[in-house]
Amino acid sequence: MDLMLWILIFIAIIVVILGILAIFFIKKGEGKHKVDYYSLFFMGLVWTLIGILINNFILISLGILFLIVGLINKEKWKKNKPDWSKITKSQKIILYIAFAMLFLLLVSGIIVFWLIQEGIL
């Protein structure tokens, strides 16, 4: 159980760091960001499929909601799609940090899953 506490502390620290970074860059005032409805649609698709696979009503419901919102705004898919060459340097840094954090969370999840399967946790 002690290892589980450390994992929760690690996740909490990551969430706090991401929150601080988000607040810092939002206050910097780079302008308002538009909703990317294509990403919202894709996220809804993934959540719906995962919800069906694990039989989770909440994921299925939210996934279907995101799918509907994405489909309603289908005409805005290309309009709001970000172009990597037009992204500012600070936005690229945020994306790199987000990708690194997501990778660390993925690796941590795989390790925890493996430890549970081996009976260590």
PDB file of N, CA and C in Angstrom:
ATOM      1  N   MET A   1       0.823  -1.201   0.000  1.00  0.00           N
ATOM      2  CA  MET A   1       0.000   0.000   0.000  1.00  0.00           C
ATOM      3  C   MET A   1       0.859   1.254   0.000  1.00  0.00           C
ATOM      4  N   ASP A   2       2.062   1.147   0.525  1.00  0.00           N
ATOM      5  CA  ASP A   2       2.959   2.290   0.560  1.00  0.00           C
ATOM      6  C   ASP A   2       3.323   2.741  -0.852  1.00  0.00           C
ATOM      7  N   LEU A   3       3.500   1.786  -1.768  1.00  0.00           N
ATOM      8  CA  LEU A   3       3.806   2.125  -3.157  1.00  0.00           C
ATOM      9  C   LEU A   3       2.636   2.850  -3.808  1.00  0.00           C
ATOM     10  N   MET A   4       1.428   2.446  -3.500  1.00  0.00           N
ATOM     11  CA  MET A   4       0.244   3.107  -4.055  1.00  0.00           C
ATOM     12  C   MET A   4       0.178   4.564  -3.596  1.00  0.00           C
ATOM     13  N   LEU A   5       0.554   4.835  -2.368  1.00  0.00           N
ATOM     14  CA  LEU A   5       0.573   6.207  -1.868  1.00  0.00           C
ATOM     15  C   LEU A   5       1.570   7.045  -2.659  1.00  0.00           C
ATOM     16  N   TRP A   6       2.741   6.497  -2.955  1.00  0.00           N
ATOM     17  CA  TRP A   6       3.748   7.227  -3.720  1.00  0.00           C
ATOM     18  C   TRP A   6       3.279   7.480  -5.147  1.00  0.00           C
ATOM     19  N   ILE A   7       2.578   6.529  -5.716  1.00  0.00           N
ATOM     20  CA  ILE A   7       2.046   6.709  -7.063  1.00  0.00           C
ATOM     21  C   ILE A   7       1.021   7.840  -7.075  1.00  0.00           C
ATOM     22  N   LEU A   8       0.138   7.863  -6.081  1.00  0.00           N
ATOM     23  CA  LEU A   8      -0.853   8.934  -5.992  1.00  0.00           C
ATOM     24  C   LEU A   8      -0.193  10.293  -5.778  1.00  0.00           C
ATOM     25  N   ILE A   9       0.849  10.340  -4.966  1.00  0.00           N
ATOM     26  CA  ILE A   9       1.582  11.591  -4.747  1.00  0.00           C
ATOM     27  C   ILE A   9       2.235  12.046  -6.046  1.00  0.00           C
ATOM     28  N   PHE A  10       2.824  11.103  -6.797  1.00  0.00           N
ATOM     29  CA  PHE A  10       3.455  11.416  -8.073  1.00  0.00           C
ATOM     30  C   PHE A  10       2.437  11.999  -9.050  1.00  0.00           C
ATOM     31  N   ILE A  11       1.280  11.387  -9.147  1.00  0.00           N
ATOM     32  CA  ILE A  11       0.235  11.876 -10.047  1.00  0.00           C
ATOM     33  C   ILE A  11      -0.249  13.252  -9.606  1.00  0.00           C
ATOM     34  N   ALA A  12      -0.406  13.459  -8.303  1.00  0.00           N
ATOM     35  CA  ALA A  12      -0.840  14.759  -7.790  1.00  0.00           C
ATOM     36  C   ALA A  12       0.178  15.848  -8.130  1.00  0.00           C
ATOM     37  N   ILE A  13       1.463  15.526  -8.013  1.00  0.00           N
ATOM     38  CA  ILE A  13       2.516  16.493  -8.343  1.00  0.00           C
ATOM     39  C   ILE A  13       2.460  16.851  -9.824  1.00  0.00           C
ATOM     40  N   ILE A  14       2.252  15.867 -10.686  1.00  0.00           N
ATOM     41  CA  ILE A  14       2.159  16.121 -12.123  1.00  0.00           C
ATOM     42  C   ILE A  14       0.969  17.029 -12.426  1.00  0.00           C
ATOM     43  N   VAL A  15      -0.171  16.758 -11.791  1.00  0.00           N
ATOM     44  CA  VAL A  15      -1.361  17.575 -12.013  1.00  0.00           C
ATOM     45  C   VAL A  15      -1.115  19.013 -11.557  1.00  0.00           C
ATOM     46  N   VAL A  16      -0.472  19.196 -10.423  1.00  0.00           N
ATOM     47  CA  VAL A  16      -0.188  20.547  -9.918  1.00  0.00           C
ATOM     48  C   VAL A  16       0.765  21.276 -10.864  1.00  0.00           C
ATOM     49  N   ILE A  17       1.799  20.588 -11.339  1.00  0.00           N
ATOM     50  CA  ILE A  17       2.757  21.218 -12.267  1.00  0.00           C
ATOM     51  C   ILE A  17       2.057  21.627 -13.553  1.00  0.00           C
ATOM     52  N   LEU A  18       1.222  20.747 -14.099  1.00  0.00           N
ATOM     53  CA  LEU A  18       0.490  21.093 -15.322  1.00  0.00           C
ATOM     54  C   LEU A  18      -0.469  22.256 -15.083  1.00  0.00           C
ATOM     55  N   GLY A  19      -1.099  22.301 -13.912  1.00  0.00           N
ATOM     56  CA  GLY A  19      -1.987  23.406 -13.585  1.00  0.00           C
ATOM     57  C   GLY A  19      -1.236  24.724 -13.505  1.00  0.00           C
ATOM     58  N   ILE A  20      -0.079  24.705 -12.877  1.00  0.00           N
ATOM     59  CA  ILE A  20       0.728  25.928 -12.771  1.00  0.00           C
ATOM     60  C   ILE A  20       1.174  26.389 -14.154  1.00  0.00           C
ATOM     61  N   LEU A  21       1.620  25.446 -14.989  1.00  0.00           N
ATOM     62  CA  LEU A  21       2.022  25.809 -16.347  1.00  0.00           C
ATOM     63  C   LEU A  21       0.853  26.385 -17.140  1.00  0.00           C
ATOM     64  N   ALA A  22      -0.318  25.804 -17.001  1.00  0.00           N
ATOM     65  CA  ALA A  22      -1.493  26.288 -17.714  1.00  0.00           C
ATOM     66  C   ALA A  22      -1.840  27.703 -17.272  1.00  0.00           C
ATOM     67  N   ILE A  23      -1.831  27.941 -15.968  1.00  0.00           N
ATOM     68  CA  ILE A  23      -2.141  29.281 -15.453  1.00  0.00           C
ATOM     69  C   ILE A  23      -1.107  30.289 -15.934  1.00  0.00           C
ATOM     70  N   PHE A  24       0.172  29.898 -15.916  1.00  0.00           N
ATOM     71  CA  PHE A  24       1.241  30.797 -16.344  1.00  0.00           C
ATOM     72  C   PHE A  24       1.065  31.199 -17.810  1.00  0.00           C
ATOM     73  N   PHE A  25       0.806  30.226 -18.671  1.00  0.00           N
ATOM     74  CA  PHE A  25       0.702  30.530 -20.093  1.00  0.00           C
ATOM     75  C   PHE A  25      -0.630  31.175 -20.460  1.00  0.00           C
ATOM     76  N   ILE A  26      -1.678  30.923 -19.690  1.00  0.00           N
ATOM     77  CA  ILE A  26      -2.952  31.595 -19.944  1.00  0.00           C
ATOM     78  C   ILE A  26      -2.840  33.067 -19.570  1.00  0.00           C
ATOM     79  N   LYS A  27      -2.183  33.348 -18.446  1.00  0.00           N
ATOM     80  CA  LYS A  27      -2.024  34.743 -18.024  1.00  0.00           C
ATOM     81  C   LYS A  27      -1.100  35.513 -18.947  1.00  0.00           C
ATOM     82  N   LYS A  28      -0.257  34.791 -19.668  1.00  0.00           N
ATOM     83  CA  LYS A  28       0.661  35.447 -20.586  1.00  0.00           C
ATOM     84  C   LYS A  28      -0.096  36.155 -21.702  1.00  0.00           C
ATOM     85  N   GLY A  29      -1.323  35.726 -21.959  1.00  0.00           N
ATOM     86  CA  GLY A  29      -2.194  36.425 -22.897  1.00  0.00           C
ATOM     87  C   GLY A  29      -1.863  36.205 -24.351  1.00  0.00           C
ATOM     88  N   GLU A  30      -1.835  34.959 -24.774  1.00  0.00           N
ATOM     89  CA  GLU A  30      -1.563  34.688 -26.179  1.00  0.00           C
ATOM     90  C   GLU A  30      -2.839  34.697 -27.015  1.00  0.00           C
ATOM     91  N   GLY A  31      -3.902  35.177 -26.491  1.00  0.00           N
ATOM     92  CA  GLY A  31      -5.152  35.236 -27.240  1.00  0.00           C
ATOM     93  C   GLY A  31      -6.055  34.068 -26.887  1.00  0.00           C
ATOM     94  N   LYS A  32      -7.290  34.189 -27.341  1.00  0.00           N
ATOM     95  CA  LYS A  32      -8.251  33.135 -27.074  1.00  0.00           C
ATOM     96  C   LYS A  32      -8.041  31.978 -28.033  1.00  0.00           C
ATOM     97  N   HIS A  33      -8.236  30.785 -27.510  1.00  0.00           N
ATOM     98  CA  HIS A  33      -8.098  29.585 -28.328  1.00  0.00           C
ATOM     99  C   HIS A  33      -9.485  29.110 -28.742  1.00  0.00           C
ATOM    100  N   LYS A  34      -9.583  28.659 -29.964  1.00  0.00           N
ATOM    101  CA  LYS A  34     -10.846  28.144 -30.465  1.00  0.00           C
ATOM    102  C   LYS A  34     -10.917  26.644 -30.210  1.00  0.00           C
ATOM    103  N   VAL A  35     -12.114  26.143 -30.110  1.00  0.00           N
ATOM    104  CA  VAL A  35     -12.327  24.725 -29.869  1.00  0.00           C
ATOM    105  C   VAL A  35     -11.992  23.954 -31.143  1.00  0.00           C
ATOM    106  N   ASP A  36     -11.242  22.869 -30.992  1.00  0.00           N
ATOM    107  CA  ASP A  36     -10.927  21.990 -32.110  1.00  0.00           C
ATOM    108  C   ASP A  36     -11.961  20.867 -32.107  1.00  0.00           C
ATOM    109  N   TYR A  37     -12.995  21.021 -32.917  1.00  0.00           N
ATOM    110  CA  TYR A  37     -14.101  20.077 -32.904  1.00  0.00           C
ATOM    111  C   TYR A  37     -13.718  18.716 -33.472  1.00  0.00           C
ATOM    112  N   TYR A  38     -12.715  18.676 -34.335  1.00  0.00           N
ATOM    113  CA  TYR A  38     -12.244  17.392 -34.840  1.00  0.00           C
ATOM    114  C   TYR A  38     -11.630  16.571 -33.702  1.00  0.00           C
ATOM    115  N   SER A  39     -10.818  17.214 -32.874  1.00  0.00           N
ATOM    116  CA  SER A  39     -10.232  16.523 -31.727  1.00  0.00           C
ATOM    117  C   SER A  39     -11.311  16.098 -30.734  1.00  0.00           C
ATOM    118  N   LEU A  40     -12.312  16.943 -30.571  1.00  0.00           N
ATOM    119  CA  LEU A  40     -13.427  16.609 -29.687  1.00  0.00           C
ATOM    120  C   LEU A  40     -14.170  15.380 -30.208  1.00  0.00           C
ATOM    121  N   PHE A  41     -14.392  15.329 -31.516  1.00  0.00           N
ATOM    122  CA  PHE A  41     -15.041  14.169 -32.130  1.00  0.00           C
ATOM    123  C   PHE A  41     -14.192  12.917 -31.933  1.00  0.00           C
ATOM    124  N   PHE A  42     -12.895  13.036 -32.205  1.00  0.00           N
ATOM    125  CA  PHE A  42     -11.999  11.881 -32.077  1.00  0.00           C
ATOM    126  C   PHE A  42     -11.926  11.404 -30.627  1.00  0.00           C
ATOM    127  N   MET A  43     -11.871  12.334 -29.684  1.00  0.00           N
ATOM    128  CA  MET A  43     -11.858  11.979 -28.269  1.00  0.00           C
ATOM    129  C   MET A  43     -13.155  11.266 -27.892  1.00  0.00           C
ATOM    130  N   GLY A  44     -14.280  11.744 -28.403  1.00  0.00           N
ATOM    131  CA  GLY A  44     -15.562  11.091 -28.155  1.00  0.00           C
ATOM    132  C   GLY A  44     -15.586   9.677 -28.691  1.00  0.00           C
ATOM    133  N   LEU A  45     -14.999   9.481 -29.860  1.00  0.00           N
ATOM    134  CA  LEU A  45     -14.935   8.142 -30.446  1.00  0.00           C
ATOM    135  C   LEU A  45     -14.118   7.201 -29.572  1.00  0.00           C
ATOM    136  N   VAL A  46     -12.957   7.665 -29.124  1.00  0.00           N
ATOM    137  CA  VAL A  46     -12.097   6.836 -28.283  1.00  0.00           C
ATOM    138  C   VAL A  46     -12.778   6.533 -26.949  1.00  0.00           C
ATOM    139  N   TRP A  47     -13.360   7.535 -26.318  1.00  0.00           N
ATOM    140  CA  TRP A  47     -14.022   7.313 -25.029  1.00  0.00           C
ATOM    141  C   TRP A  47     -15.193   6.353 -25.157  1.00  0.00           C
ATOM    142  N   THR A  48     -15.945   6.482 -26.244  1.00  0.00           N
ATOM    143  CA  THR A  48     -17.076   5.577 -26.440  1.00  0.00           C
ATOM    144  C   THR A  48     -16.599   4.137 -26.592  1.00  0.00           C
ATOM    145  N   LEU A  49     -15.570   3.930 -27.402  1.00  0.00           N
ATOM    146  CA  LEU A  49     -15.050   2.573 -27.600  1.00  0.00           C
ATOM    147  C   LEU A  49     -14.476   1.989 -26.316  1.00  0.00           C
ATOM    148  N   ILE A  50     -13.724   2.786 -25.576  1.00  0.00           N
ATOM    149  CA  ILE A  50     -13.167   2.293 -24.311  1.00  0.00           C
ATOM    150  C   ILE A  50     -14.290   2.020 -23.317  1.00  0.00           C
ATOM    151  N   GLY A  51     -15.296   2.889 -23.278  1.00  0.00           N
ATOM    152  CA  GLY A  51     -16.439   2.671 -22.394  1.00  0.00           C
ATOM    153  C   GLY A  51     -17.171   1.388 -22.705  1.00  0.00           C
ATOM    154  N   ILE A  52     -17.316   1.081 -23.988  1.00  0.00           N
ATOM    155  CA  ILE A  52     -17.966  -0.169 -24.382  1.00  0.00           C
ATOM    156  C   ILE A  52     -17.106  -1.359 -23.979  1.00  0.00           C
ATOM    157  N   LEU A  53     -15.791  -1.251 -24.190  1.00  0.00           N
ATOM    158  CA  LEU A  53     -14.892  -2.364 -23.863  1.00  0.00           C
ATOM    159  C   LEU A  53     -14.867  -2.684 -22.376  1.00  0.00           C
ATOM    160  N   ILE A  54     -14.881  -1.652 -21.537  1.00  0.00           N
ATOM    161  CA  ILE A  54     -14.797  -1.898 -20.094  1.00  0.00           C
ATOM    162  C   ILE A  54     -16.150  -1.807 -19.412  1.00  0.00           C
ATOM    163  N   ASN A  55     -17.199  -1.627 -20.229  1.00  0.00           N
ATOM    164  CA  ASN A  55     -18.567  -1.592 -19.714  1.00  0.00           C
ATOM    165  C   ASN A  55     -18.759  -0.477 -18.677  1.00  0.00           C
ATOM    166  N   ASN A  56     -18.366   0.744 -19.065  1.00  0.00           N
ATOM    167  CA  ASN A  56     -18.458   1.902 -18.191  1.00  0.00           C
ATOM    168  C   ASN A  56     -19.454   2.891 -18.794  1.00  0.00           C
ATOM    169  N   PHE A  57     -20.598   3.043 -18.145  1.00  0.00           N
ATOM    170  CA  PHE A  57     -21.677   3.882 -18.657  1.00  0.00           C
ATOM    171  C   PHE A  57     -21.271   5.356 -18.755  1.00  0.00           C
ATOM    172  N   ILE A  58     -20.478   5.838 -17.806  1.00  0.00           N
ATOM    173  CA  ILE A  58     -20.073   7.253 -17.803  1.00  0.00           C
ATOM    174  C   ILE A  58     -19.195   7.565 -19.011  1.00  0.00           C
ATOM    175  N   LEU A  59     -18.214   6.701 -19.306  1.00  0.00           N
ATOM    176  CA  LEU A  59     -17.365   6.926 -20.476  1.00  0.00           C
ATOM    177  C   LEU A  59     -18.172   6.861 -21.765  1.00  0.00           C
ATOM    178  N   ILE A  60     -19.085   5.916 -21.844  1.00  0.00           N
ATOM    179  CA  ILE A  60     -19.926   5.803 -23.035  1.00  0.00           C
ATOM    180  C   ILE A  60     -20.759   7.072 -23.212  1.00  0.00           C
ATOM    181  N   SER A  61     -21.367   7.548 -22.138  1.00  0.00           N
ATOM    182  CA  SER A  61     -22.219   8.744 -22.205  1.00  0.00           C
ATOM    183  C   SER A  61     -21.424   9.978 -22.610  1.00  0.00           C
ATOM    184  N   LEU A  62     -20.280  10.195 -21.962  1.00  0.00           N
ATOM    185  CA  LEU A  62     -19.459  11.366 -22.305  1.00  0.00           C
ATOM    186  C   LEU A  62     -18.913  11.246 -23.717  1.00  0.00           C
ATOM    187  N   GLY A  63     -18.522  10.041 -24.114  1.00  0.00           N
ATOM    188  CA  GLY A  63     -18.024   9.834 -25.466  1.00  0.00           C
ATOM    189  C   GLY A  63     -19.077  10.157 -26.512  1.00  0.00           C
ATOM    190  N   ILE A  64     -20.295   9.705 -26.280  1.00  0.00           N
ATOM    191  CA  ILE A  64     -21.376   9.997 -27.222  1.00  0.00           C
ATOM    192  C   ILE A  64     -21.667  11.501 -27.251  1.00  0.00           C
ATOM    193  N   LEU A  65     -21.619  12.151 -26.091  1.00  0.00           N
ATOM    194  CA  LEU A  65     -21.828  13.599 -26.037  1.00  0.00           C
ATOM    195  C   LEU A  65     -20.766  14.337 -26.853  1.00  0.00           C
ATOM    196  N   PHE A  66     -19.489  13.957 -26.692  1.00  0.00           N
ATOM    197  CA  PHE A  66     -18.416  14.584 -27.461  1.00  0.00           C
ATOM    198  C   PHE A  66     -18.569  14.292 -28.952  1.00  0.00           C
ATOM    199  N   LEU A  67     -18.987  13.072 -29.290  1.00  0.00           N
ATOM    200  CA  LEU A  67     -19.225  12.736 -30.696  1.00  0.00           C
ATOM    201  C   LEU A  67     -20.290  13.643 -31.301  1.00  0.00           C
ATOM    202  N   ILE A  68     -21.376  13.837 -30.576  1.00  0.00           N
ATOM    203  CA  ILE A  68     -22.479  14.666 -31.075  1.00  0.00           C
ATOM    204  C   ILE A  68     -22.028  16.115 -31.259  1.00  0.00           C
ATOM    205  N   VAL A  69     -21.328  16.660 -30.256  1.00  0.00           N
ATOM    206  CA  VAL A  69     -20.860  18.050 -30.360  1.00  0.00           C
ATOM    207  C   VAL A  69     -19.885  18.194 -31.524  1.00  0.00           C
ATOM    208  N   GLY A  70     -18.994  17.216 -31.695  1.00  0.00           N
ATOM    209  CA  GLY A  70     -18.057  17.256 -32.812  1.00  0.00           C
ATOM    210  C   GLY A  70     -18.752  17.172 -34.154  1.00  0.00           C
ATOM    211  N   LEU A  71     -19.770  16.303 -34.259  1.00  0.00           N
ATOM    212  CA  LEU A  71     -20.490  16.157 -35.522  1.00  0.00           C
ATOM    213  C   LEU A  71     -21.352  17.371 -35.843  1.00  0.00           C
ATOM    214  N   ILE A  72     -21.942  17.984 -34.827  1.00  0.00           N
ATOM    215  CA  ILE A  72     -22.752  19.179 -35.056  1.00  0.00           C
ATOM    216  C   ILE A  72     -21.892  20.289 -35.659  1.00  0.00           C
ATOM    217  N   ASN A  73     -20.641  20.373 -35.248  1.00  0.00           N
ATOM    218  CA  ASN A  73     -19.731  21.421 -35.715  1.00  0.00           C
ATOM    219  C   ASN A  73     -18.736  20.894 -36.746  1.00  0.00           C
ATOM    220  N   LYS A  74     -19.164  19.946 -37.580  1.00  0.00           N
ATOM    221  CA  LYS A  74     -18.274  19.328 -38.555  1.00  0.00           C
ATOM    222  C   LYS A  74     -17.712  20.338 -39.554  1.00  0.00           C
ATOM    223  N   GLU A  75     -18.484  21.359 -39.874  1.00  0.00           N
ATOM    224  CA  GLU A  75     -18.010  22.354 -40.842  1.00  0.00           C
ATOM    225  C   GLU A  75     -16.830  23.164 -40.307  1.00  0.00           C
ATOM    226  N   LYS A  76     -16.579  23.134 -39.012  1.00  0.00           N
ATOM    227  CA  LYS A  76     -15.482  23.888 -38.402  1.00  0.00           C
ATOM    228  C   LYS A  76     -14.225  23.035 -38.205  1.00  0.00           C
ATOM    229  N   TRP A  77     -14.244  21.772 -38.659  1.00  0.00           N
ATOM    230  CA  TRP A  77     -13.102  20.883 -38.438  1.00  0.00           C
ATOM    231  C   TRP A  77     -11.821  21.428 -39.054  1.00  0.00           C
ATOM    232  N   LYS A  78     -11.849  21.800 -40.312  1.00  0.00           N
ATOM    233  CA  LYS A  78     -10.637  22.285 -40.981  1.00  0.00           C
ATOM    234  C   LYS A  78     -10.315  23.719 -40.599  1.00  0.00           C
ATOM    235  N   LYS A  79     -11.342  24.484 -40.284  1.00  0.00           N
ATOM    236  CA  LYS A  79     -11.153  25.897 -39.949  1.00  0.00           C
ATOM    237  C   LYS A  79     -10.324  26.061 -38.676  1.00  0.00           C
ATOM    238  N   ASN A  80     -10.576  25.231 -37.695  1.00  0.00           N
ATOM    239  CA  ASN A  80      -9.896  25.357 -36.400  1.00  0.00           C
ATOM    240  C   ASN A  80      -8.698  24.430 -36.254  1.00  0.00           C
ATOM    241  N   LYS A  81      -8.382  23.673 -37.282  1.00  0.00           N
ATOM    242  CA  LYS A  81      -7.271  22.729 -37.178  1.00  0.00           C
ATOM    243  C   LYS A  81      -5.946  23.501 -37.105  1.00  0.00           C
ATOM    244  N   PRO A  82      -5.182  23.283 -36.040  1.00  0.00           N
ATOM    245  CA  PRO A  82      -3.928  24.034 -35.902  1.00  0.00           C
ATOM    246  C   PRO A  82      -2.865  23.562 -36.892  1.00  0.00           C
ATOM    247  N   ASP A  83      -2.078  24.487 -37.384  1.00  0.00           N
ATOM    248  CA  ASP A  83      -0.981  24.187 -38.286  1.00  0.00           C
ATOM    249  C   ASP A  83       0.316  24.296 -37.484  1.00  0.00           C
ATOM    250  N   TRP A  84       1.124  23.243 -37.501  1.00  0.00           N
ATOM    251  CA  TRP A  84       2.332  23.198 -36.675  1.00  0.00           C
ATOM    252  C   TRP A  84       3.275  24.357 -36.994  1.00  0.00           C
ATOM    253  N   SER A  85       3.314  24.790 -38.228  1.00  0.00           N
ATOM    254  CA  SER A  85       4.217  25.886 -38.596  1.00  0.00           C
ATOM    255  C   SER A  85       3.736  27.233 -38.053  1.00  0.00           C
ATOM    256  N   LYS A  86       2.452  27.336 -37.700  1.00  0.00           N
ATOM    257  CA  LYS A  86       1.909  28.592 -37.190  1.00  0.00           C
ATOM    258  C   LYS A  86       1.861  28.646 -35.668  1.00  0.00           C
ATOM    259  N   ILE A  87       2.282  27.569 -35.010  1.00  0.00           N
ATOM    260  CA  ILE A  87       2.253  27.517 -33.552  1.00  0.00           C
ATOM    261  C   ILE A  87       3.458  28.286 -33.015  1.00  0.00           C
ATOM    262  N   THR A  88       3.233  29.114 -32.000  1.00  0.00           N
ATOM    263  CA  THR A  88       4.321  29.907 -31.421  1.00  0.00           C
ATOM    264  C   THR A  88       5.270  29.025 -30.626  1.00  0.00           C
ATOM    265  N   LYS A  89       6.422  29.582 -30.312  1.00  0.00           N
ATOM    266  CA  LYS A  89       7.445  28.826 -29.593  1.00  0.00           C
ATOM    267  C   LYS A  89       6.953  28.397 -28.204  1.00  0.00           C
ATOM    268  N   SER A  90       6.257  29.273 -27.503  1.00  0.00           N
ATOM    269  CA  SER A  90       5.767  28.918 -26.169  1.00  0.00           C
ATOM    270  C   SER A  90       4.685  27.839 -26.250  1.00  0.00           C
ATOM    271  N   GLN A  91       3.873  27.866 -27.303  1.00  0.00           N
ATOM    272  CA  GLN A  91       2.873  26.814 -27.470  1.00  0.00           C
ATOM    273  C   GLN A  91       3.542  25.471 -27.766  1.00  0.00           C
ATOM    274  N   LYS A  92       4.628  25.504 -28.540  1.00  0.00           N
ATOM    275  CA  LYS A  92       5.362  24.266 -28.808  1.00  0.00           C
ATOM    276  C   LYS A  92       5.965  23.703 -27.523  1.00  0.00           C
ATOM    277  N   ILE A  93       6.466  24.573 -26.664  1.00  0.00           N
ATOM    278  CA  ILE A  93       7.026  24.123 -25.386  1.00  0.00           C
ATOM    279  C   ILE A  93       5.939  23.456 -24.554  1.00  0.00           C
ATOM    280  N   ILE A  94       4.746  24.059 -24.520  1.00  0.00           N
ATOM    281  CA  ILE A  94       3.628  23.466 -23.776  1.00  0.00           C
ATOM    282  C   ILE A  94       3.292  22.091 -24.338  1.00  0.00           C
ATOM    283  N   LEU A  95       3.256  21.984 -25.662  1.00  0.00           N
ATOM    284  CA  LEU A  95       2.952  20.693 -26.279  1.00  0.00           C
ATOM    285  C   LEU A  95       4.008  19.653 -25.955  1.00  0.00           C
ATOM    286  N   TYR A  96       5.284  20.036 -25.998  1.00  0.00           N
ATOM    287  CA  TYR A  96       6.354  19.094 -25.660  1.00  0.00           C
ATOM    288  C   TYR A  96       6.232  18.635 -24.212  1.00  0.00           C
ATOM    289  N   ILE A  97       5.944  19.557 -23.309  1.00  0.00           N
ATOM    290  CA  ILE A  97       5.783  19.200 -21.897  1.00  0.00           C
ATOM    291  C   ILE A  97       4.582  18.284 -21.717  1.00  0.00           C
ATOM    292  N   ALA A  98       3.483  18.598 -22.388  1.00  0.00           N
ATOM    293  CA  ALA A  98       2.289  17.755 -22.289  1.00  0.00           C
ATOM    294  C   ALA A  98       2.557  16.359 -22.829  1.00  0.00           C
ATOM    295  N   PHE A  99       3.255  16.270 -23.966  1.00  0.00           N
ATOM    296  CA  PHE A  99       3.588  14.948 -24.518  1.00  0.00           C
ATOM    297  C   PHE A  99       4.494  14.168 -23.566  1.00  0.00           C
ATOM    298  N   ALA A 100       5.459  14.845 -22.962  1.00  0.00           N
ATOM    299  CA  ALA A 100       6.361  14.170 -22.026  1.00  0.00           C
ATOM    300  C   ALA A 100       5.602  13.673 -20.796  1.00  0.00           C
ATOM    301  N   MET A 101       4.706  14.507 -20.272  1.00  0.00           N
ATOM    302  CA  MET A 101       3.914  14.097 -19.106  1.00  0.00           C
ATOM    303  C   MET A 101       2.996  12.924 -19.449  1.00  0.00           C
ATOM    304  N   LEU A 102       2.371  12.987 -20.608  1.00  0.00           N
ATOM    305  CA  LEU A 102       1.512  11.876 -21.026  1.00  0.00           C
ATOM    306  C   LEU A 102       2.312  10.594 -21.200  1.00  0.00           C
ATOM    307  N   PHE A 103       3.514  10.709 -21.750  1.00  0.00           N
ATOM    308  CA  PHE A 103       4.371   9.536 -21.891  1.00  0.00           C
ATOM    309  C   PHE A 103       4.744   8.963 -20.535  1.00  0.00           C
ATOM    310  N   LEU A 104       5.102   9.840 -19.585  1.00  0.00           N
ATOM    311  CA  LEU A 104       5.425   9.374 -18.231  1.00  0.00           C
ATOM    312  C   LEU A 104       4.228   8.710 -17.564  1.00  0.00           C
ATOM    313  N   LEU A 105       3.036   9.275 -17.743  1.00  0.00           N
ATOM    314  CA  LEU A 105       1.842   8.656 -17.178  1.00  0.00           C
ATOM    315  C   LEU A 105       1.553   7.304 -17.824  1.00  0.00           C
ATOM    316  N   LEU A 106       1.766   7.203 -19.131  1.00  0.00           N
ATOM    317  CA  LEU A 106       1.563   5.931 -19.821  1.00  0.00           C
ATOM    318  C   LEU A 106       2.527   4.875 -19.306  1.00  0.00           C
ATOM    319  N   VAL A 107       3.803   5.228 -19.201  1.00  0.00           N
ATOM    320  CA  VAL A 107       4.804   4.282 -18.705  1.00  0.00           C
ATOM    321  C   VAL A 107       4.504   3.913 -17.255  1.00  0.00           C
ATOM    322  N   SER A 108       4.125   4.878 -16.430  1.00  0.00           N
ATOM    323  CA  SER A 108       3.771   4.598 -15.036  1.00  0.00           C
ATOM    324  C   SER A 108       2.578   3.655 -14.956  1.00  0.00           C
ATOM    325  N   GLY A 109       1.573   3.886 -15.790  1.00  0.00           N
ATOM    326  CA  GLY A 109       0.409   3.011 -15.801  1.00  0.00           C
ATOM    327  C   GLY A 109       0.756   1.594 -16.210  1.00  0.00           C
ATOM    328  N   ILE A 110       1.618   1.454 -17.213  1.00  0.00           N
ATOM    329  CA  ILE A 110       2.045   0.118 -17.642  1.00  0.00           C
ATOM    330  C   ILE A 110       2.814  -0.582 -16.525  1.00  0.00           C
ATOM    331  N   ILE A 111       3.676   0.141 -15.838  1.00  0.00           N
ATOM    332  CA  ILE A 111       4.439  -0.447 -14.728  1.00  0.00           C
ATOM    333  C   ILE A 111       3.513  -0.882 -13.604  1.00  0.00           C
ATOM    334  N   VAL A 112       2.555  -0.025 -13.246  1.00  0.00           N
ATOM    335  CA  VAL A 112       1.611  -0.379 -12.186  1.00  0.00           C
ATOM    336  C   VAL A 112       0.768  -1.579 -12.607  1.00  0.00           C
ATOM    337  N   PHE A 113       0.324  -1.593 -13.857  1.00  0.00           N
ATOM    338  CA  PHE A 113      -0.448  -2.732 -14.354  1.00  0.00           C
ATOM    339  C   PHE A 113       0.370  -4.017 -14.263  1.00  0.00           C
ATOM    340  N   TRP A 114       1.638  -3.940 -14.661  1.00  0.00           N
ATOM    341  CA  TRP A 114       2.510  -5.114 -14.602  1.00  0.00           C
ATOM    342  C   TRP A 114       2.726  -5.563 -13.150  1.00  0.00           C
ATOM    343  N   LEU A 115       2.933  -4.594 -12.238  1.00  0.00           N
ATOM    344  CA  LEU A 115       3.131  -4.940 -10.830  1.00  0.00           C
ATOM    345  C   LEU A 115       1.885  -5.597 -10.233  1.00  0.00           C
ATOM    346  N   ILE A 116       0.709  -5.138 -10.634  1.00  0.00           N
ATOM    347  CA  ILE A 116      -0.526  -5.753 -10.159  1.00  0.00           C
ATOM    348  C   ILE A 116      -0.673  -7.157 -10.718  1.00  0.00           C
ATOM    349  N   GLN A 117      -0.349  -7.344 -11.987  1.00  0.00           N
ATOM    350  CA  GLN A 117      -0.446  -8.663 -12.616  1.00  0.00           C
ATOM    351  C   GLN A 117       0.521  -9.653 -11.986  1.00  0.00           C
ATOM    352  N   GLU A 118       1.673  -9.189 -11.558  1.00  0.00           N
ATOM    353  CA  GLU A 118       2.673 -10.066 -10.922  1.00  0.00           C
ATOM    354  C   GLU A 118       2.370 -10.304  -9.452  1.00  0.00           C
ATOM    355  N   GLY A 119       1.404  -9.607  -8.911  1.00  0.00           N
ATOM    356  CA  GLY A 119       1.028  -9.781  -7.508  1.00  0.00           C
ATOM    357  C   GLY A 119       1.895  -9.006  -6.542  1.00  0.00           C
ATOM    358  N   ILE A 120       2.696  -8.103  -7.036  1.00  0.00           N
ATOM    359  CA  ILE A 120       3.566  -7.305  -6.180  1.00  0.00           C
ATOM    360  C   ILE A 120       2.761  -6.225  -5.459  1.00  0.00           C
ATOM    361  N   LEU A 121       1.789  -5.685  -6.145  1.00  0.00           N
ATOM    362  CA  LEU A 121       0.906  -4.678  -5.529  1.00  0.00           C
ATOM    363  C   LEU A 121      -0.378  -5.312  -5.075  1.00  0.00           C
TER     364      LEU A 121
END
